[in-house]
């Protein structure tokens, strides 16, 4: 079970980082979540490195903890935006592949990914 959780979790970060990296509109999308341009430019490479380290199991708990921290931050930003009401911005979690507005479903997905991180850490 831990191996599947680790591969899925790392794979999600790899996919997320790669799709953001090739999406020229990503920095603008990130600004809707309050992420400054420098953070928007740094996030895709960070996700790629974290995802790769998680998939191959290098770095022990460190990359998984970083990934979990990113997920907590993403989820907090989503919850704040949802609580404000109004028009929800596009998720952009996977660059141009994810243009649906954020919703409770986005939060649910992140909770599942956090559970995978917990399974990985518990092993």
PDB file of N, CA and C in Angstrom:
ATOM      1  N   UNK A   1       0.821  -1.194   0.000  1.00  0.00           N
ATOM      2  CA  UNK A   1       0.000   0.000   0.000  1.00  0.00           C
ATOM      3  C   UNK A   1       0.868   1.263   0.000  1.00  0.00           C
ATOM      4  N   UNK A   2       1.963   1.229   0.768  1.00  0.00           N
ATOM      5  CA  UNK A   2       2.852   2.398   0.845  1.00  0.00           C
ATOM      6  C   UNK A   2       3.460   2.702  -0.510  1.00  0.00           C
ATOM      7  N   UNK A   3       3.850   1.671  -1.240  1.00  0.00           N
ATOM      8  CA  UNK A   3       4.457   1.877  -2.554  1.00  0.00           C
ATOM      9  C   UNK A   3       3.484   2.557  -3.515  1.00  0.00           C
ATOM     10  N   UNK A   4       2.241   2.099  -3.518  1.00  0.00           N
ATOM     11  CA  UNK A   4       1.233   2.709  -4.388  1.00  0.00           C
ATOM     12  C   UNK A   4       1.001   4.156  -3.985  1.00  0.00           C
ATOM     13  N   UNK A   5       0.861   4.423  -2.691  1.00  0.00           N
ATOM     14  CA  UNK A   5       0.648   5.789  -2.208  1.00  0.00           C
ATOM     15  C   UNK A   5       1.818   6.689  -2.595  1.00  0.00           C
ATOM     16  N   UNK A   6       3.028   6.188  -2.441  1.00  0.00           N
ATOM     17  CA  UNK A   6       4.224   6.968  -2.764  1.00  0.00           C
ATOM     18  C   UNK A   6       4.293   7.281  -4.259  1.00  0.00           C
ATOM     19  N   UNK A   7       4.003   6.292  -5.091  1.00  0.00           N
ATOM     20  CA  UNK A   7       4.067   6.505  -6.543  1.00  0.00           C
ATOM     21  C   UNK A   7       2.964   7.458  -7.002  1.00  0.00           C
ATOM     22  N   UNK A   8       1.764   7.287  -6.485  1.00  0.00           N
ATOM     23  CA  UNK A   8       0.669   8.187  -6.865  1.00  0.00           C
ATOM     24  C   UNK A   8       0.959   9.610  -6.395  1.00  0.00           C
ATOM     25  N   UNK A   9       1.361   9.769  -5.140  1.00  0.00           N
ATOM     26  CA  UNK A   9       1.654  11.099  -4.597  1.00  0.00           C
ATOM     27  C   UNK A   9       2.772  11.775  -5.381  1.00  0.00           C
ATOM     28  N   UNK A  10       3.864  11.074  -5.568  1.00  0.00           N
ATOM     29  CA  UNK A  10       4.972  11.633  -6.335  1.00  0.00           C
ATOM     30  C   UNK A  10       4.583  11.909  -7.774  1.00  0.00           C
ATOM     31  N   UNK A  11       3.802  11.014  -8.364  1.00  0.00           N
ATOM     32  CA  UNK A  11       3.345  11.197  -9.742  1.00  0.00           C
ATOM     33  C   UNK A  11       2.472  12.435  -9.903  1.00  0.00           C
ATOM     34  N   UNK A  12       1.645  12.694  -8.912  1.00  0.00           N
ATOM     35  CA  UNK A  12       0.801  13.894  -8.965  1.00  0.00           C
ATOM     36  C   UNK A  12       1.673  15.148  -8.944  1.00  0.00           C
ATOM     37  N   UNK A  13       2.687  15.163  -8.095  1.00  0.00           N
ATOM     38  CA  UNK A  13       3.587  16.325  -8.064  1.00  0.00           C
ATOM     39  C   UNK A  13       4.368  16.456  -9.371  1.00  0.00           C
ATOM     40  N   UNK A  14       4.798  15.343  -9.935  1.00  0.00           N
ATOM     41  CA  UNK A  14       5.497  15.401 -11.226  1.00  0.00           C
ATOM     42  C   UNK A  14       4.589  15.951 -12.321  1.00  0.00           C
ATOM     43  N   UNK A  15       3.368  15.456 -12.386  1.00  0.00           N
ATOM     44  CA  UNK A  15       2.422  15.930 -13.390  1.00  0.00           C
ATOM     45  C   UNK A  15       2.087  17.405 -13.173  1.00  0.00           C
ATOM     46  N   UNK A  16       1.854  17.767 -11.933  1.00  0.00           N
ATOM     47  CA  UNK A  16       1.514  19.153 -11.617  1.00  0.00           C
ATOM     48  C   UNK A  16       2.645  20.106 -11.994  1.00  0.00           C
ATOM     49  N   UNK A  17       3.863  19.752 -11.622  1.00  0.00           N
ATOM     50  CA  UNK A  17       5.012  20.598 -11.953  1.00  0.00           C
ATOM     51  C   UNK A  17       5.244  20.695 -13.452  1.00  0.00           C
ATOM     52  N   UNK A  18       5.138  19.572 -14.136  1.00  0.00           N
ATOM     53  CA  UNK A  18       5.403  19.561 -15.583  1.00  0.00           C
ATOM     54  C   UNK A  18       4.357  20.368 -16.341  1.00  0.00           C
ATOM     55  N   UNK A  19       3.090  20.224 -15.984  1.00  0.00           N
ATOM     56  CA  UNK A  19       2.050  20.944 -16.716  1.00  0.00           C
ATOM     57  C   UNK A  19       2.102  22.447 -16.434  1.00  0.00           C
ATOM     58  N   UNK A  20       2.473  22.823 -15.226  1.00  0.00           N
ATOM     59  CA  UNK A  20       2.633  24.254 -14.920  1.00  0.00           C
ATOM     60  C   UNK A  20       3.832  24.836 -15.653  1.00  0.00           C
ATOM     61  N   UNK A  21       4.876  24.055 -15.751  1.00  0.00           N
ATOM     62  CA  UNK A  21       6.114  24.528 -16.390  1.00  0.00           C
ATOM     63  C   UNK A  21       5.889  24.895 -17.852  1.00  0.00           C
ATOM     64  N   UNK A  22       5.030  24.172 -18.536  1.00  0.00           N
ATOM     65  CA  UNK A  22       4.794  24.449 -19.960  1.00  0.00           C
ATOM     66  C   UNK A  22       3.607  25.377 -20.206  1.00  0.00           C
ATOM     67  N   UNK A  23       2.913  25.754 -19.163  1.00  0.00           N
ATOM     68  CA  UNK A  23       1.738  26.624 -19.290  1.00  0.00           C
ATOM     69  C   UNK A  23       2.161  28.080 -19.082  1.00  0.00           C
ATOM     70  N   UNK A  24       2.209  28.834 -20.148  1.00  0.00           N
ATOM     71  CA  UNK A  24       2.634  30.234 -20.065  1.00  0.00           C
ATOM     72  C   UNK A  24       1.704  31.089 -19.210  1.00  0.00           C
ATOM     73  N   UNK A  25       0.456  30.670 -19.054  1.00  0.00           N
ATOM     74  CA  UNK A  25      -0.483  31.449 -18.254  1.00  0.00           C
ATOM     75  C   UNK A  25      -0.431  31.100 -16.768  1.00  0.00           C
ATOM     76  N   UNK A  26       0.410  30.119 -16.396  1.00  0.00           N
ATOM     77  CA  UNK A  26       0.477  29.690 -14.995  1.00  0.00           C
ATOM     78  C   UNK A  26       0.765  30.837 -14.028  1.00  0.00           C
ATOM     79  N   UNK A  27       1.766  31.697 -14.261  1.00  0.00           N
ATOM     80  CA  UNK A  27       2.008  32.771 -13.273  1.00  0.00           C
ATOM     81  C   UNK A  27       0.785  33.663 -13.045  1.00  0.00           C
ATOM     82  N   UNK A  28       0.037  33.949 -14.094  1.00  0.00           N
ATOM     83  CA  UNK A  28      -1.174  34.752 -13.948  1.00  0.00           C
ATOM     84  C   UNK A  28      -2.230  33.993 -13.143  1.00  0.00           C
ATOM     85  N   UNK A  29      -2.383  32.703 -13.420  1.00  0.00           N
ATOM     86  CA  UNK A  29      -3.338  31.883 -12.676  1.00  0.00           C
ATOM     87  C   UNK A  29      -2.965  31.829 -11.204  1.00  0.00           C
ATOM     88  N   UNK A  30      -1.675  31.721 -10.926  1.00  0.00           N
ATOM     89  CA  UNK A  30      -1.205  31.648  -9.544  1.00  0.00           C
ATOM     90  C   UNK A  30      -1.488  32.930  -8.777  1.00  0.00           C
ATOM     91  N   UNK A  31      -1.490  34.050  -9.475  1.00  0.00           N
ATOM     92  CA  UNK A  31      -1.736  35.324  -8.793  1.00  0.00           C
ATOM     93  C   UNK A  31      -3.149  35.376  -8.215  1.00  0.00           C
ATOM     94  N   UNK A  32      -4.090  34.633  -8.794  1.00  0.00           N
ATOM     95  CA  UNK A  32      -5.454  34.590  -8.256  1.00  0.00           C
ATOM     96  C   UNK A  32      -5.482  33.962  -6.868  1.00  0.00           C
ATOM     97  N   UNK A  33      -4.452  33.192  -6.547  1.00  0.00           N
ATOM     98  CA  UNK A  33      -4.351  32.550  -5.240  1.00  0.00           C
ATOM     99  C   UNK A  33      -3.443  33.331  -4.292  1.00  0.00           C
ATOM    100  N   UNK A  34      -2.952  34.472  -4.750  1.00  0.00           N
ATOM    101  CA  UNK A  34      -2.093  35.303  -3.914  1.00  0.00           C
ATOM    102  C   UNK A  34      -0.623  34.939  -3.997  1.00  0.00           C
ATOM    103  N   UNK A  35      -0.255  34.071  -4.918  1.00  0.00           N
ATOM    104  CA  UNK A  35       1.147  33.669  -5.054  1.00  0.00           C
ATOM    105  C   UNK A  35       1.894  34.708  -5.885  1.00  0.00           C
ATOM    106  N   UNK A  36       2.953  35.299  -5.341  1.00  0.00           N
ATOM    107  CA  UNK A  36       3.708  36.280  -6.125  1.00  0.00           C
ATOM    108  C   UNK A  36       4.386  35.627  -7.328  1.00  0.00           C
ATOM    109  N   UNK A  37       4.741  36.438  -8.307  1.00  0.00           N
ATOM    110  CA  UNK A  37       5.316  35.926  -9.559  1.00  0.00           C
ATOM    111  C   UNK A  37       6.543  35.042  -9.306  1.00  0.00           C
ATOM    112  N   UNK A  38       7.426  35.456  -8.407  1.00  0.00           N
ATOM    113  CA  UNK A  38       8.620  34.654  -8.118  1.00  0.00           C
ATOM    114  C   UNK A  38       8.230  33.280  -7.578  1.00  0.00           C
ATOM    115  N   UNK A  39       7.223  33.241  -6.720  1.00  0.00           N
ATOM    116  CA  UNK A  39       6.740  31.961  -6.201  1.00  0.00           C
ATOM    117  C   UNK A  39       6.131  31.103  -7.285  1.00  0.00           C
ATOM    118  N   UNK A  40       5.401  31.759  -8.191  1.00  0.00           N
ATOM    119  CA  UNK A  40       4.779  31.028  -9.308  1.00  0.00           C
ATOM    120  C   UNK A  40       5.834  30.431 -10.228  1.00  0.00           C
ATOM    121  N   UNK A  41       6.929  31.130 -10.420  1.00  0.00           N
ATOM    122  CA  UNK A  41       8.006  30.614 -11.269  1.00  0.00           C
ATOM    123  C   UNK A  41       8.792  29.503 -10.572  1.00  0.00           C
ATOM    124  N   UNK A  42       8.900  29.585  -9.252  1.00  0.00           N
ATOM    125  CA  UNK A  42       9.664  28.591  -8.491  1.00  0.00           C
ATOM    126  C   UNK A  42       8.874  27.308  -8.237  1.00  0.00           C
ATOM    127  N   UNK A  43       7.557  27.416  -8.140  1.00  0.00           N
ATOM    128  CA  UNK A  43       6.751  26.254  -7.743  1.00  0.00           C
ATOM    129  C   UNK A  43       6.876  25.051  -8.687  1.00  0.00           C
ATOM    130  N   UNK A  44       6.766  25.201 -10.004  1.00  0.00           N
ATOM    131  CA  UNK A  44       6.855  24.002 -10.860  1.00  0.00           C
ATOM    132  C   UNK A  44       8.157  23.210 -10.698  1.00  0.00           C
ATOM    133  N   UNK A  45       9.338  23.850 -10.693  1.00  0.00           N
ATOM    134  CA  UNK A  45      10.548  23.051 -10.473  1.00  0.00           C
ATOM    135  C   UNK A  45      10.587  22.387  -9.098  1.00  0.00           C
ATOM    136  N   UNK A  46      10.067  23.072  -8.094  1.00  0.00           N
ATOM    137  CA  UNK A  46      10.018  22.472  -6.754  1.00  0.00           C
ATOM    138  C   UNK A  46       9.134  21.236  -6.773  1.00  0.00           C
ATOM    139  N   UNK A  47       7.967  21.343  -7.413  1.00  0.00           N
ATOM    140  CA  UNK A  47       7.068  20.188  -7.495  1.00  0.00           C
ATOM    141  C   UNK A  47       7.722  19.031  -8.252  1.00  0.00           C
ATOM    142  N   UNK A  48       8.459  19.340  -9.306  1.00  0.00           N
ATOM    143  CA  UNK A  48       9.145  18.283 -10.064  1.00  0.00           C
ATOM    144  C   UNK A  48      10.181  17.565  -9.211  1.00  0.00           C
ATOM    145  N   UNK A  49      10.979  18.318  -8.486  1.00  0.00           N
ATOM    146  CA  UNK A  49      12.013  17.707  -7.639  1.00  0.00           C
ATOM    147  C   UNK A  49      11.373  16.896  -6.512  1.00  0.00           C
ATOM    148  N   UNK A  50      10.396  17.485  -5.841  1.00  0.00           N
ATOM    149  CA  UNK A  50       9.720  16.782  -4.748  1.00  0.00           C
ATOM    150  C   UNK A  50       9.061  15.512  -5.273  1.00  0.00           C
ATOM    151  N   UNK A  51       8.367  15.610  -6.395  1.00  0.00           N
ATOM    152  CA  UNK A  51       7.708  14.437  -6.964  1.00  0.00           C
ATOM    153  C   UNK A  51       8.685  13.337  -7.323  1.00  0.00           C
ATOM    154  N   UNK A  52       9.794  13.711  -7.948  1.00  0.00           N
ATOM    155  CA  UNK A  52      10.797  12.709  -8.335  1.00  0.00           C
ATOM    156  C   UNK A  52      11.389  12.032  -7.108  1.00  0.00           C
ATOM    157  N   UNK A  53      11.708  12.818  -6.085  1.00  0.00           N
ATOM    158  CA  UNK A  53      12.286  12.240  -4.868  1.00  0.00           C
ATOM    159  C   UNK A  53      11.304  11.308  -4.169  1.00  0.00           C
ATOM    160  N   UNK A  54      10.030  11.675  -4.171  1.00  0.00           N
ATOM    161  CA  UNK A  54       9.021  10.811  -3.555  1.00  0.00           C
ATOM    162  C   UNK A  54       8.889   9.503  -4.336  1.00  0.00           C
ATOM    163  N   UNK A  55       8.798   9.583  -5.654  1.00  0.00           N
ATOM    164  CA  UNK A  55       8.613   8.376  -6.472  1.00  0.00           C
ATOM    165  C   UNK A  55       9.773   7.402  -6.288  1.00  0.00           C
ATOM    166  N   UNK A  56      11.000   7.902  -6.332  1.00  0.00           N
ATOM    167  CA  UNK A  56      12.146   6.997  -6.223  1.00  0.00           C
ATOM    168  C   UNK A  56      12.521   6.676  -4.780  1.00  0.00           C
ATOM    169  N   UNK A  57      11.898   7.360  -3.828  1.00  0.00           N
ATOM    170  CA  UNK A  57      12.125   7.054  -2.414  1.00  0.00           C
ATOM    171  C   UNK A  57      13.438   7.570  -1.862  1.00  0.00           C
ATOM    172  N   UNK A  58      13.966   8.622  -2.471  1.00  0.00           N
ATOM    173  CA  UNK A  58      15.222   9.220  -1.985  1.00  0.00           C
ATOM    174  C   UNK A  58      14.896  10.353  -1.025  1.00  0.00           C
ATOM    175  N   UNK A  59      15.618  10.423   0.058  1.00  0.00           N
ATOM    176  CA  UNK A  59      15.442  11.522   1.006  1.00  0.00           C
ATOM    177  C   UNK A  59      14.562  11.183   2.182  1.00  0.00           C
ATOM    178  N   UNK A  60      14.137   9.931   2.251  1.00  0.00           N
ATOM    179  CA  UNK A  60      13.319   9.508   3.383  1.00  0.00           C
ATOM    180  C   UNK A  60      12.028  10.291   3.501  1.00  0.00           C
ATOM    181  N   UNK A  61      11.747  10.744   4.703  1.00  0.00           N
ATOM    182  CA  UNK A  61      10.502  11.461   4.969  1.00  0.00           C
ATOM    183  C   UNK A  61      10.536  12.902   4.469  1.00  0.00           C
ATOM    184  N   UNK A  62      11.730  13.447   4.243  1.00  0.00           N
ATOM    185  CA  UNK A  62      11.864  14.854   3.872  1.00  0.00           C
ATOM    186  C   UNK A  62      11.008  15.290   2.694  1.00  0.00           C
ATOM    187  N   UNK A  63      11.159  14.667   1.526  1.00  0.00           N
ATOM    188  CA  UNK A  63      10.339  15.079   0.378  1.00  0.00           C
ATOM    189  C   UNK A  63       8.837  14.895   0.609  1.00  0.00           C
ATOM    190  N   UNK A  64       8.469  13.857   1.326  1.00  0.00           N
ATOM    191  CA  UNK A  64       7.046  13.630   1.605  1.00  0.00           C
ATOM    192  C   UNK A  64       6.517  14.741   2.517  1.00  0.00           C
ATOM    193  N   UNK A  65       7.308  15.136   3.497  1.00  0.00           N
ATOM    194  CA  UNK A  65       6.902  16.234   4.381  1.00  0.00           C
ATOM    195  C   UNK A  65       6.795  17.551   3.623  1.00  0.00           C
ATOM    196  N   UNK A  66       7.734  17.790   2.712  1.00  0.00           N
ATOM    197  CA  UNK A  66       7.657  19.005   1.887  1.00  0.00           C
ATOM    198  C   UNK A  66       6.400  18.961   1.023  1.00  0.00           C
ATOM    199  N   UNK A  67       6.140  17.818   0.405  1.00  0.00           N
ATOM    200  CA  UNK A  67       4.937  17.668  -0.408  1.00  0.00           C
ATOM    201  C   UNK A  67       3.676  17.877   0.417  1.00  0.00           C
ATOM    202  N   UNK A  68       3.645  17.303   1.609  1.00  0.00           N
ATOM    203  CA  UNK A  68       2.482  17.489   2.485  1.00  0.00           C
ATOM    204  C   UNK A  68       2.333  18.959   2.869  1.00  0.00           C
ATOM    205  N   UNK A  69       3.447  19.618   3.122  1.00  0.00           N
ATOM    206  CA  UNK A  69       3.394  21.044   3.441  1.00  0.00           C
ATOM    207  C   UNK A  69       2.844  21.859   2.283  1.00  0.00           C
ATOM    208  N   UNK A  70       3.261  21.516   1.071  1.00  0.00           N
ATOM    209  CA  UNK A  70       2.718  22.196  -0.108  1.00  0.00           C
ATOM    210  C   UNK A  70       1.217  21.959  -0.216  1.00  0.00           C
ATOM    211  N   UNK A  71       0.796  20.725  -0.008  1.00  0.00           N
ATOM    212  CA  UNK A  71      -0.634  20.421  -0.085  1.00  0.00           C
ATOM    213  C   UNK A  71      -1.439  21.169   0.973  1.00  0.00           C
ATOM    214  N   UNK A  72      -0.902  21.272   2.169  1.00  0.00           N
ATOM    215  CA  UNK A  72      -1.590  22.028   3.224  1.00  0.00           C
ATOM    216  C   UNK A  72      -1.706  23.493   2.814  1.00  0.00           C
ATOM    217  N   UNK A  73      -0.629  24.054   2.274  1.00  0.00           N
ATOM    218  CA  UNK A  73      -0.666  25.448   1.819  1.00  0.00           C
ATOM    219  C   UNK A  73      -1.656  25.653   0.692  1.00  0.00           C
ATOM    220  N   UNK A  74      -1.646  24.747  -0.291  1.00  0.00           N
ATOM    221  CA  UNK A  74      -2.591  24.840  -1.407  1.00  0.00           C
ATOM    222  C   UNK A  74      -4.033  24.765  -0.891  1.00  0.00           C
ATOM    223  N   UNK A  75      -4.264  23.820   0.007  1.00  0.00           N
ATOM    224  CA  UNK A  75      -5.615  23.616   0.531  1.00  0.00           C
ATOM    225  C   UNK A  75      -6.078  24.828   1.329  1.00  0.00           C
ATOM    226  N   UNK A  76      -5.189  25.391   2.125  1.00  0.00           N
ATOM    227  CA  UNK A  76      -5.542  26.591   2.895  1.00  0.00           C
ATOM    228  C   UNK A  76      -5.911  27.737   1.965  1.00  0.00           C
ATOM    229  N   UNK A  77      -5.141  27.931   0.905  1.00  0.00           N
ATOM    230  CA  UNK A  77      -5.439  29.011  -0.048  1.00  0.00           C
ATOM    231  C   UNK A  77      -6.793  28.779  -0.716  1.00  0.00           C
ATOM    232  N   UNK A  78      -7.074  27.538  -1.061  1.00  0.00           N
ATOM    233  CA  UNK A  78      -8.354  27.211  -1.695  1.00  0.00           C
ATOM    234  C   UNK A  78      -9.508  27.478  -0.729  1.00  0.00           C
ATOM    235  N   UNK A  79      -9.355  27.044   0.525  1.00  0.00           N
ATOM    236  CA  UNK A  79     -10.413  27.243   1.518  1.00  0.00           C
ATOM    237  C   UNK A  79     -10.674  28.724   1.767  1.00  0.00           C
ATOM    238  N   UNK A  80      -9.621  29.529   1.811  1.00  0.00           N
ATOM    239  CA  UNK A  80      -9.789  30.976   1.998  1.00  0.00           C
ATOM    240  C   UNK A  80     -10.580  31.571   0.841  1.00  0.00           C
ATOM    241  N   UNK A  81     -10.208  31.206  -0.379  1.00  0.00           N
ATOM    242  CA  UNK A  81     -10.915  31.737  -1.549  1.00  0.00           C
ATOM    243  C   UNK A  81     -12.373  31.279  -1.586  1.00  0.00           C
ATOM    244  N   UNK A  82     -12.623  30.033  -1.231  1.00  0.00           N
ATOM    245  CA  UNK A  82     -13.999  29.538  -1.212  1.00  0.00           C
ATOM    246  C   UNK A  82     -14.818  30.237  -0.134  1.00  0.00           C
ATOM    247  N   UNK A  83     -14.201  30.495   1.016  1.00  0.00           N
ATOM    248  CA  UNK A  83     -14.907  31.159   2.118  1.00  0.00           C
ATOM    249  C   UNK A  83     -15.262  32.606   1.776  1.00  0.00           C
ATOM    250  N   UNK A  84     -14.467  33.235   0.949  1.00  0.00           N
ATOM    251  CA  UNK A  84     -14.741  34.622   0.545  1.00  0.00           C
ATOM    252  C   UNK A  84     -15.965  34.723  -0.348  1.00  0.00           C
ATOM    253  N   UNK A  85     -16.312  33.640  -0.992  1.00  0.00           N
ATOM    254  CA  UNK A  85     -17.444  33.661  -1.908  1.00  0.00           C
ATOM    255  C   UNK A  85     -17.053  34.319  -3.220  1.00  0.00           C
ATOM    256  N   UNK A  86     -18.032  34.657  -3.985  1.00  0.00           N
ATOM    257  CA  UNK A  86     -17.747  35.257  -5.283  1.00  0.00           C
ATOM    258  C   UNK A  86     -17.332  34.204  -6.290  1.00  0.00           C
ATOM    259  N   UNK A  87     -16.809  34.662  -7.395  1.00  0.00           N
ATOM    260  CA  UNK A  87     -16.411  33.757  -8.465  1.00  0.00           C
ATOM    261  C   UNK A  87     -15.109  33.053  -8.096  1.00  0.00           C
ATOM    262  N   UNK A  88     -15.145  31.742  -8.114  1.00  0.00           N
ATOM    263  CA  UNK A  88     -13.962  30.952  -7.778  1.00  0.00           C
ATOM    264  C   UNK A  88     -13.005  30.938  -8.970  1.00  0.00           C
ATOM    265  N   UNK A  89     -11.707  31.137  -8.715  1.00  0.00           N
ATOM    266  CA  UNK A  89     -10.750  31.089  -9.821  1.00  0.00           C
ATOM    267  C   UNK A  89     -10.563  29.668 -10.334  1.00  0.00           C
ATOM    268  N   UNK A  90     -10.008  29.564 -11.534  1.00  0.00           N
ATOM    269  CA  UNK A  90      -9.680  28.253 -12.091  1.00  0.00           C
ATOM    270  C   UNK A  90      -8.630  27.593 -11.216  1.00  0.00           C
ATOM    271  N   UNK A  91      -8.725  26.319 -11.080  1.00  0.00           N
ATOM    272  CA  UNK A  91      -7.789  25.567 -10.249  1.00  0.00           C
ATOM    273  C   UNK A  91      -6.348  25.761 -10.722  1.00  0.00           C
ATOM    274  N   UNK A  92      -6.062  25.490 -11.959  1.00  0.00           N
ATOM    275  CA  UNK A  92      -4.711  25.576 -12.527  1.00  0.00           C
ATOM    276  C   UNK A  92      -3.715  24.693 -11.777  1.00  0.00           C
ATOM    277  N   UNK A  93      -4.206  23.755 -11.003  1.00  0.00           N
ATOM    278  CA  UNK A  93      -3.330  22.841 -10.259  1.00  0.00           C
ATOM    279  C   UNK A  93      -2.465  22.009 -11.199  1.00  0.00           C
ATOM    280  N   UNK A  94      -2.994  21.775 -12.386  1.00  0.00           N
ATOM    281  CA  UNK A  94      -2.268  21.032 -13.410  1.00  0.00           C
ATOM    282  C   UNK A  94      -2.153  21.881 -14.668  1.00  0.00           C
ATOM    283  N   UNK A  95      -1.776  23.134 -14.476  1.00  0.00           N
ATOM    284  CA  UNK A  95      -1.590  24.048 -15.596  1.00  0.00           C
ATOM    285  C   UNK A  95      -2.852  24.169 -16.430  1.00  0.00           C
ATOM    286  N   UNK A  96      -2.676  24.197 -17.733  1.00  0.00           N
ATOM    287  CA  UNK A  96      -3.800  24.359 -18.660  1.00  0.00           C
ATOM    288  C   UNK A  96      -4.738  23.150 -18.650  1.00  0.00           C
ATOM    289  N   UNK A  97      -4.304  22.030 -18.075  1.00  0.00           N
ATOM    290  CA  UNK A  97      -5.143  20.840 -18.023  1.00  0.00           C
ATOM    291  C   UNK A  97      -6.293  20.987 -17.032  1.00  0.00           C
ATOM    292  N   UNK A  98      -6.197  21.920 -16.115  1.00  0.00           N
ATOM    293  CA  UNK A  98      -7.219  22.023 -15.064  1.00  0.00           C
ATOM    294  C   UNK A  98      -7.744  23.449 -14.991  1.00  0.00           C
ATOM    295  N   UNK A  99      -8.740  23.724 -15.750  1.00  0.00           N
ATOM    296  CA  UNK A  99      -9.309  25.069 -15.805  1.00  0.00           C
ATOM    297  C   UNK A  99     -10.666  25.170 -15.112  1.00  0.00           C
ATOM    298  N   UNK A 100     -11.108  24.077 -14.482  1.00  0.00           N
ATOM    299  CA  UNK A 100     -12.364  24.152 -13.727  1.00  0.00           C
ATOM    300  C   UNK A 100     -12.157  25.043 -12.504  1.00  0.00           C
ATOM    301  N   UNK A 101     -13.190  25.749 -12.096  1.00  0.00           N
ATOM    302  CA  UNK A 101     -13.067  26.554 -10.871  1.00  0.00           C
ATOM    303  C   UNK A 101     -12.817  25.659  -9.654  1.00  0.00           C
ATOM    304  N   UNK A 102     -12.099  26.203  -8.682  1.00  0.00           N
ATOM    305  CA  UNK A 102     -11.875  25.447  -7.441  1.00  0.00           C
ATOM    306  C   UNK A 102     -13.218  25.198  -6.769  1.00  0.00           C
ATOM    307  N   UNK A 103     -13.269  24.122  -5.998  1.00  0.00           N
ATOM    308  CA  UNK A 103     -14.513  23.756  -5.315  1.00  0.00           C
ATOM    309  C   UNK A 103     -14.164  22.847  -4.142  1.00  0.00           C
ATOM    310  N   UNK A 104     -15.186  22.392  -3.476  1.00  0.00           N
ATOM    311  CA  UNK A 104     -14.996  21.409  -2.418  1.00  0.00           C
ATOM    312  C   UNK A 104     -14.344  20.144  -2.943  1.00  0.00           C
ATOM    313  N   UNK A 105     -14.565  19.859  -4.196  1.00  0.00           N
ATOM    314  CA  UNK A 105     -13.942  18.684  -4.832  1.00  0.00           C
ATOM    315  C   UNK A 105     -12.415  18.840  -4.875  1.00  0.00           C
ATOM    316  N   UNK A 106     -11.958  20.060  -5.117  1.00  0.00           N
ATOM    317  CA  UNK A 106     -10.513  20.340  -5.125  1.00  0.00           C
ATOM    318  C   UNK A 106      -9.936  20.079  -3.739  1.00  0.00           C
ATOM    319  N   UNK A 107     -10.662  20.531  -2.721  1.00  0.00           N
ATOM    320  CA  UNK A 107     -10.234  20.300  -1.337  1.00  0.00           C
ATOM    321  C   UNK A 107     -10.207  18.800  -1.052  1.00  0.00           C
ATOM    322  N   UNK A 108     -11.246  18.089  -1.478  1.00  0.00           N
ATOM    323  CA  UNK A 108     -11.308  16.643  -1.261  1.00  0.00           C
ATOM    324  C   UNK A 108     -10.143  15.904  -1.891  1.00  0.00           C
ATOM    325  N   UNK A 109      -9.788  16.306  -3.113  1.00  0.00           N
ATOM    326  CA  UNK A 109      -8.642  15.685  -3.778  1.00  0.00           C
ATOM    327  C   UNK A 109      -7.378  15.890  -2.952  1.00  0.00           C
ATOM    328  N   UNK A 110      -7.196  17.104  -2.436  1.00  0.00           N
ATOM    329  CA  UNK A 110      -6.002  17.379  -1.640  1.00  0.00           C
ATOM    330  C   UNK A 110      -5.998  16.589  -0.336  1.00  0.00           C
ATOM    331  N   UNK A 111      -7.159  16.390   0.252  1.00  0.00           N
ATOM    332  CA  UNK A 111      -7.247  15.592   1.479  1.00  0.00           C
ATOM    333  C   UNK A 111      -6.835  14.141   1.186  1.00  0.00           C
ATOM    334  N   UNK A 112      -7.267  13.616   0.056  1.00  0.00           N
ATOM    335  CA  UNK A 112      -6.861  12.253  -0.335  1.00  0.00           C
ATOM    336  C   UNK A 112      -5.344  12.193  -0.529  1.00  0.00           C
ATOM    337  N   UNK A 113      -4.775  13.207  -1.178  1.00  0.00           N
ATOM    338  CA  UNK A 113      -3.325  13.232  -1.364  1.00  0.00           C
ATOM    339  C   UNK A 113      -2.591  13.349  -0.024  1.00  0.00           C
ATOM    340  N   UNK A 114      -3.147  14.116   0.901  1.00  0.00           N
ATOM    341  CA  UNK A 114      -2.549  14.200   2.237  1.00  0.00           C
ATOM    342  C   UNK A 114      -2.622  12.849   2.957  1.00  0.00           C
ATOM    343  N   UNK A 115      -3.694  12.108   2.743  1.00  0.00           N
ATOM    344  CA  UNK A 115      -3.795  10.773   3.318  1.00  0.00           C
ATOM    345  C   UNK A 115      -2.728   9.850   2.730  1.00  0.00           C
ATOM    346  N   UNK A 116      -2.446  10.002   1.440  1.00  0.00           N
ATOM    347  CA  UNK A 116      -1.381   9.209   0.817  1.00  0.00           C
ATOM    348  C   UNK A 116      -0.026   9.581   1.406  1.00  0.00           C
ATOM    349  N   UNK A 117       0.162  10.842   1.685  1.00  0.00           N
ATOM    350  CA  UNK A 117       1.402  11.266   2.338  1.00  0.00           C
ATOM    351  C   UNK A 117       1.508  10.629   3.711  1.00  0.00           C
ATOM    352  N   UNK A 118       0.398  10.593   4.452  1.00  0.00           N
ATOM    353  CA  UNK A 118       0.410   9.981   5.780  1.00  0.00           C
ATOM    354  C   UNK A 118       0.726   8.497   5.702  1.00  0.00           C
ATOM    355  N   UNK A 119       0.154   7.795   4.732  1.00  0.00           N
ATOM    356  CA  UNK A 119       0.456   6.372   4.547  1.00  0.00           C
ATOM    357  C   UNK A 119       1.922   6.177   4.233  1.00  0.00           C
ATOM    358  N   UNK A 120       2.457   7.035   3.396  1.00  0.00           N
ATOM    359  CA  UNK A 120       3.881   6.947   3.016  1.00  0.00           C
ATOM    360  C   UNK A 120       4.770   7.182   4.236  1.00  0.00           C
ATOM    361  N   UNK A 121       4.406   8.171   5.048  1.00  0.00           N
ATOM    362  CA  UNK A 121       5.216   8.493   6.228  1.00  0.00           C
ATOM    363  C   UNK A 121       5.118   7.408   7.296  1.00  0.00           C
ATOM    364  N   UNK A 122       3.971   6.756   7.375  1.00  0.00           N
ATOM    365  CA  UNK A 122       3.766   5.745   8.411  1.00  0.00           C
ATOM    366  C   UNK A 122       4.525   4.445   8.120  1.00  0.00           C
ATOM    367  N   UNK A 123       4.926   4.239   6.873  1.00  0.00           N
ATOM    368  CA  UNK A 123       5.588   2.986   6.501  1.00  0.00           C
ATOM    369  C   UNK A 123       7.025   2.945   6.994  1.00  0.00           C
TER     370      UNK A 123
END
